[in-house]
Protein backbone atom coordinates (compact mmCIF):
# COMPACT_ATOMS: atom_id res chain seq x y z
CA UNK A 1 -72.15 126.14 117.13
CA UNK A 2 -72.30 129.00 114.62
CA UNK A 3 -75.36 130.32 116.45
CA UNK A 4 -73.45 130.27 119.73
CA UNK A 5 -70.54 132.17 118.19
CA UNK A 6 -72.89 134.78 116.73
CA UNK A 7 -74.75 135.12 120.02
CA UNK A 8 -71.53 135.45 122.00
CA UNK A 9 -70.28 138.14 119.61
CA UNK A 10 -73.57 140.06 119.92
CA UNK A 11 -73.50 139.89 123.72
CA UNK A 12 -69.87 141.02 123.86
CA UNK A 13 -70.56 143.90 121.46
CA UNK A 14 -73.63 145.03 123.39
CA UNK A 15 -71.69 144.85 126.64
CA UNK A 16 -68.75 146.87 125.27
CA UNK A 17 -71.08 149.44 123.66
CA UNK A 18 -72.96 149.87 126.91
CA UNK A 19 -69.81 150.28 128.99
CA UNK A 20 -68.40 152.81 126.53
CA UNK A 21 -71.62 154.80 126.19
CA UNK A 22 -72.66 154.75 129.84
CA UNK A 23 -69.66 154.07 132.11
CA UNK A 24 -71.87 154.40 135.19
CA UNK A 25 -73.63 151.15 134.22
CA UNK A 26 -70.39 149.18 133.76
CA UNK A 27 -70.57 147.42 137.16
CA UNK A 28 -74.04 146.04 136.34
CA UNK A 29 -73.26 144.68 132.90
CA UNK A 30 -73.71 140.92 132.98
CA UNK A 31 -70.92 138.67 131.68
CA UNK A 32 -71.58 136.49 128.68
CA UNK A 33 -73.27 133.24 129.69
CA UNK A 34 -71.68 131.25 126.86
CA UNK A 35 -68.52 129.52 127.98
CA UNK A 36 -65.46 129.34 125.75
CA UNK A 37 -65.61 125.53 125.86
CA UNK A 38 -69.04 125.64 124.21
CA UNK A 39 -67.57 127.55 121.27
CA UNK A 40 -64.59 125.28 120.77
CA UNK A 41 -63.81 125.14 117.08
CA UNK A 42 -61.23 122.34 117.19
CA UNK A 43 -63.80 119.63 116.44
CA UNK A 44 -65.28 121.72 113.66
CA UNK A 45 -61.87 122.34 112.07
CA UNK A 46 -60.88 118.69 112.34
CA UNK A 47 -64.17 117.70 110.67
CA UNK A 48 -63.49 120.08 107.81
CA UNK A 49 -59.97 118.70 107.42
CA UNK A 50 -61.22 115.10 107.42
CA UNK A 51 -63.76 115.93 104.68
CA UNK A 52 -60.98 117.54 102.60
CA UNK A 53 -58.80 114.47 103.07
CA UNK A 54 -61.64 112.14 102.08
CA UNK A 55 -62.35 114.21 98.95
CA UNK A 56 -58.65 113.96 98.03
CA UNK A 57 -58.66 110.18 98.55
CA UNK A 58 -61.79 109.90 96.39
CA UNK A 59 -60.57 112.06 93.53
CA UNK A 60 -56.89 111.07 93.42
CA UNK A 61 -57.49 107.87 91.38
CA UNK A 62 -59.23 110.01 88.72
CA UNK A 63 -56.17 112.21 88.16
CA UNK A 64 -54.46 110.06 85.47
CA UNK A 65 -57.65 109.99 83.36
CA UNK A 66 -58.01 113.76 83.74
CA UNK A 67 -54.40 114.34 82.69
CA UNK A 68 -54.86 112.08 79.67
CA UNK A 69 -58.00 113.95 78.58
CA UNK A 70 -56.32 117.35 79.00
CA UNK A 71 -53.27 116.23 77.03
CA UNK A 72 -55.51 114.90 74.23
CA UNK A 73 -57.44 118.18 74.07
CA UNK A 74 -54.20 120.17 74.01
CA UNK A 75 -52.88 118.10 71.10
CA UNK A 76 -56.17 118.51 69.21
CA UNK A 77 -56.06 122.26 69.71
CA UNK A 78 -52.43 122.38 68.63
CA UNK A 79 -53.33 120.44 65.47
CA UNK A 80 -56.06 122.99 64.66
CA UNK A 81 -53.97 126.06 65.44
CA UNK A 82 -50.68 124.88 63.88
CA UNK A 83 -51.71 125.30 60.18
CA UNK A 84 -53.26 128.69 60.90
CA UNK A 85 -50.05 129.93 62.54
CA UNK A 86 -48.05 128.71 59.54
CA UNK A 87 -50.35 130.63 57.16
CA UNK A 88 -50.08 133.81 59.23
CA UNK A 89 -46.29 133.55 59.32
CA UNK A 90 -46.11 132.96 55.55
CA UNK A 91 -48.38 135.88 54.75
CA UNK A 92 -46.40 138.21 57.02
CA UNK A 93 -43.15 137.23 55.23
CA UNK A 94 -44.71 138.00 51.85
CA UNK A 95 -45.93 141.38 53.02
CA UNK A 96 -42.57 142.43 54.48
């Protein structure tokens, strides 16, 4: 389908360029042979949406484990940074 869309766009552009450049040839410019029904994107869009929905259904059960891991990493980082922040605050009070 992507090839049809590209081909249709090329034919339309060539036709419009020709009619603009040489108006005398406008009556002989052939219409595009690709019908709009052949380039229907509804099926394509619905297929994309169904794949997105399936990916969501697949990954949704993993969300609690992901949240737990992120929370654990945040607490570990807070435990490492907390003492350093306390030292920086204490040293800035001594210097003031």
